[in-house]
Amino acid sequence: MPVSLNYLASHSRNLESLLQTYRQINLTIQSVFFVLGTFLLSRILETESKEICLYLEVLLISLTLFSTIVMTKFQKVITARGDDVTWWHRKIVRAEQELPRGEQTFTEFKIYQSRDVLSDSEVARFHDPGVTVTDEEIDKLLHTDLDHIRNVINSYILRGLRLLWIILNLISLGACFYKNVIM
């Protein structure tokens, strides 16, 4: 008995929802850490005591390291969930190959997303009922747009956060250096 598209879509939706939840949790945690980091920076900038400045600097560096560890661990989970979603999407495309062209809605949407990458002959293979598309063709269809979106969300946002942490730490180290060397 063939697996129903409703079954496949349901599991895909559940994992996509879980993936988005993990991303939201990660960004929320990172936001809280960053607020704490900016608070520590403001205390470092305001304090006149060299000892308190150094103590707060150690706290800020510790918070930065902890934040980076949490971010890295979450990124592994997010990447794994993204791979799980792709697995279900692959099953949906494979199941839709048995349907008439007008009913291949998910495949059509993925073709639309990949319109700048797929050739006309590659698109035609997905619509030809006599052709069994390969796993490599399905992967190309699915990864064309996913790679771009996941790159932005998974890489650039996290790189931006790391850059902000570096800037925060450079400012605080500069303030501690100024207070300990100049004053």
Protein backbone atom coordinates (compact mmCIF):
# COMPACT_ATOMS: atom_id res chain seq x y z
CA MET A 1 0.00 0.00 0.00
CA PRO A 2 1.51 3.36 -1.02
CA VAL A 3 2.15 5.95 1.65
CA SER A 4 -0.34 8.80 1.50
CA LEU A 5 0.79 12.32 0.79
CA ASN A 6 -1.17 13.49 3.83
CA TYR A 7 0.95 11.24 6.02
CA LEU A 8 4.18 12.51 4.46
CA ALA A 9 3.09 16.15 4.60
CA SER A 10 2.04 15.80 8.23
CA HIS A 11 5.46 14.53 9.29
CA SER A 12 7.18 17.16 7.19
CA ARG A 13 5.11 19.92 8.84
CA ASN A 14 5.86 18.57 12.32
CA LEU A 15 9.60 18.54 11.72
CA GLU A 16 9.55 21.97 10.04
CA SER A 17 7.71 23.33 13.06
CA LEU A 18 10.28 21.73 15.35
CA LEU A 19 13.09 23.20 13.24
CA GLN A 20 11.61 26.70 13.50
CA THR A 21 11.13 26.26 17.25
CA TYR A 22 14.80 25.34 17.67
CA ARG A 23 15.83 28.40 15.66
CA GLN A 24 13.60 30.64 17.77
CA ILE A 25 14.90 29.17 21.02
CA ASN A 26 18.49 29.63 19.87
CA LEU A 27 17.96 33.26 18.85
CA THR A 28 16.05 34.01 22.05
CA ILE A 29 18.80 32.52 24.21
CA GLN A 30 21.45 34.38 22.23
CA SER A 31 19.48 37.62 22.63
CA VAL A 32 19.32 37.16 26.40
CA PHE A 33 23.05 36.42 26.54
CA PHE A 34 23.78 39.49 24.43
CA VAL A 35 21.66 41.72 26.66
CA LEU A 36 23.62 40.39 29.65
CA GLY A 37 26.84 41.06 27.75
CA THR A 38 25.87 44.66 26.98
CA PHE A 39 24.92 45.11 30.64
CA LEU A 40 28.37 43.88 31.69
CA LEU A 41 29.96 46.21 29.12
CA SER A 42 28.06 49.19 30.55
CA ARG A 43 29.27 48.24 34.06
CA ILE A 44 32.85 47.94 32.76
CA LEU A 45 32.64 51.37 31.12
CA GLU A 46 31.18 52.98 34.24
CA THR A 47 33.39 51.49 36.94
CA GLU A 48 36.43 53.33 38.20
CA SER A 49 37.85 50.33 40.04
CA LYS A 50 40.52 48.35 38.20
CA GLU A 51 39.69 45.19 40.16
CA ILE A 52 35.96 45.37 39.44
CA CYS A 53 36.72 46.14 35.79
CA LEU A 54 38.87 43.02 35.48
CA TYR A 55 36.32 40.91 37.36
CA LEU A 56 33.53 42.08 35.02
CA GLU A 57 35.79 41.48 32.03
CA VAL A 58 36.33 37.87 33.11
CA LEU A 59 32.55 37.50 33.47
CA LEU A 60 32.01 38.95 29.99
CA ILE A 61 34.59 36.65 28.42
CA SER A 62 33.03 33.67 30.24
CA LEU A 63 29.57 34.66 29.04
CA THR A 64 30.91 35.00 25.48
CA LEU A 65 32.42 31.52 25.60
CA PHE A 66 29.27 30.01 27.10
CA SER A 67 27.12 31.74 24.47
CA THR A 68 29.36 30.40 21.70
CA ILE A 69 29.16 26.85 23.07
CA VAL A 70 25.35 27.03 23.30
CA MET A 71 25.16 28.52 19.79
CA THR A 72 27.37 25.76 18.37
CA LYS A 73 25.38 22.98 20.06
CA PHE A 74 22.09 24.44 18.87
CA GLN A 75 23.49 24.79 15.35
CA LYS A 76 24.19 21.06 15.24
CA VAL A 77 20.61 20.31 16.32
CA ILE A 78 19.20 22.79 13.78
CA THR A 79 21.29 21.29 10.98
CA ALA A 80 20.13 17.77 11.92
CA ARG A 81 16.47 18.84 11.95
CA GLY A 82 16.96 20.54 8.57
CA ASP A 83 18.29 17.27 7.18
CA ASP A 84 15.25 15.49 8.61
CA VAL A 85 12.90 17.93 6.87
CA THR A 86 14.75 17.37 3.60
CA TRP A 87 14.35 13.60 4.03
CA TRP A 88 10.56 13.99 4.27
CA HIS A 89 10.51 16.42 1.34
CA ARG A 90 12.39 13.86 -0.74
CA LYS A 91 9.69 11.28 0.12
CA ILE A 92 6.94 13.74 -0.89
CA VAL A 93 8.55 14.45 -4.28
CA ARG A 94 9.03 10.73 -4.86
CA ALA A 95 5.36 10.02 -3.98
CA GLU A 96 4.13 12.85 -6.22
CA GLN A 97 5.87 11.28 -9.20
CA GLU A 98 3.01 8.78 -9.31
CA LEU A 99 0.40 11.56 -9.58
CA PRO A 100 -0.77 13.38 -12.69
CA ARG A 101 1.11 16.62 -13.40
CA GLY A 102 -1.65 18.89 -12.10
CA GLU A 103 -1.58 17.18 -8.70
CA GLN A 104 2.18 17.45 -8.12
CA THR A 105 1.76 20.60 -6.07
CA PHE A 106 4.79 20.28 -3.81
CA THR A 107 7.05 19.36 -6.73
CA GLU A 108 5.69 22.31 -8.72
CA PHE A 109 6.45 24.65 -5.83
CA LYS A 110 10.01 23.32 -5.57
CA ILE A 111 10.42 23.70 -9.35
CA TYR A 112 9.21 27.29 -8.99
CA GLN A 113 11.78 27.93 -6.23
CA SER A 114 14.51 26.37 -8.39
CA ARG A 115 13.52 28.04 -11.65
CA ASP A 116 16.85 29.86 -12.02
CA VAL A 117 18.92 26.71 -11.53
CA LEU A 118 17.05 23.86 -13.21
CA SER A 119 17.14 23.53 -16.98
CA ASP A 120 13.98 22.97 -19.00
CA SER A 121 15.01 19.36 -19.63
CA GLU A 122 15.47 18.77 -15.88
CA VAL A 123 12.03 20.23 -15.17
CA ALA A 124 10.52 18.10 -17.94
CA ARG A 125 11.84 14.93 -16.31
CA PHE A 126 9.79 15.68 -13.18
CA HIS A 127 6.65 15.97 -15.33
CA ASP A 128 7.23 12.93 -17.52
CA PRO A 129 5.18 10.02 -16.08
CA GLY A 130 7.41 7.51 -17.91
CA VAL A 131 10.57 8.72 -16.18
CA THR A 132 11.71 7.81 -12.72
CA VAL A 133 13.73 10.74 -11.43
CA THR A 134 16.90 9.90 -9.58
CA ASP A 135 17.69 10.75 -5.97
CA GLU A 136 20.36 13.15 -7.27
CA GLU A 137 17.73 15.01 -9.33
CA ILE A 138 15.41 15.23 -6.33
CA ASP A 139 18.27 16.46 -4.16
CA LYS A 140 19.12 19.14 -6.71
CA LEU A 141 15.48 20.21 -6.79
CA LEU A 142 15.26 20.40 -3.00
CA HIS A 143 18.66 21.88 -2.21
CA THR A 144 18.67 24.70 -4.75
CA ASP A 145 16.57 27.05 -2.65
CA LEU A 146 17.19 25.41 0.72
CA ASP A 147 20.92 26.01 0.53
CA HIS A 148 20.36 29.73 0.10
CA ILE A 149 17.73 30.07 2.84
CA ARG A 150 19.52 27.84 5.32
CA ASN A 151 22.78 29.64 4.63
CA VAL A 152 21.25 32.98 5.53
CA ILE A 153 19.44 31.73 8.62
CA ASN A 154 21.96 29.20 9.91
CA SER A 155 25.21 30.88 8.94
CA TYR A 156 24.96 34.61 8.49
CA ILE A 157 22.79 35.37 11.50
CA LEU A 158 25.09 33.33 13.74
CA ARG A 159 28.18 34.89 12.16
CA GLY A 160 26.64 38.29 12.86
CA LEU A 161 26.12 37.34 16.49
CA ARG A 162 29.72 36.18 16.78
CA LEU A 163 30.90 39.46 15.26
CA LEU A 164 28.81 41.39 17.79
CA TRP A 165 30.38 39.39 20.62
CA ILE A 166 33.85 40.17 19.28
CA ILE A 167 33.04 43.89 19.07
CA LEU A 168 31.58 43.85 22.58
CA ASN A 169 34.69 42.15 23.95
CA LEU A 170 37.08 44.47 22.09
CA ILE A 171 35.32 47.51 23.53
CA SER A 172 35.39 46.08 27.04
CA LEU A 173 39.04 45.00 26.75
CA GLY A 174 39.89 48.48 25.46
CA ALA A 175 38.12 50.05 28.43
CA CYS A 176 39.93 47.77 30.90
CA PHE A 177 43.27 48.45 29.21
CA TYR A 178 42.64 52.18 29.32
CA LYS A 179 41.72 52.08 33.01
CA ASN A 180 44.69 49.91 33.97
CA VAL A 181 47.38 51.51 31.84
CA ILE A 182 46.44 55.18 31.48
CA MET A 183 44.82 55.90 34.86
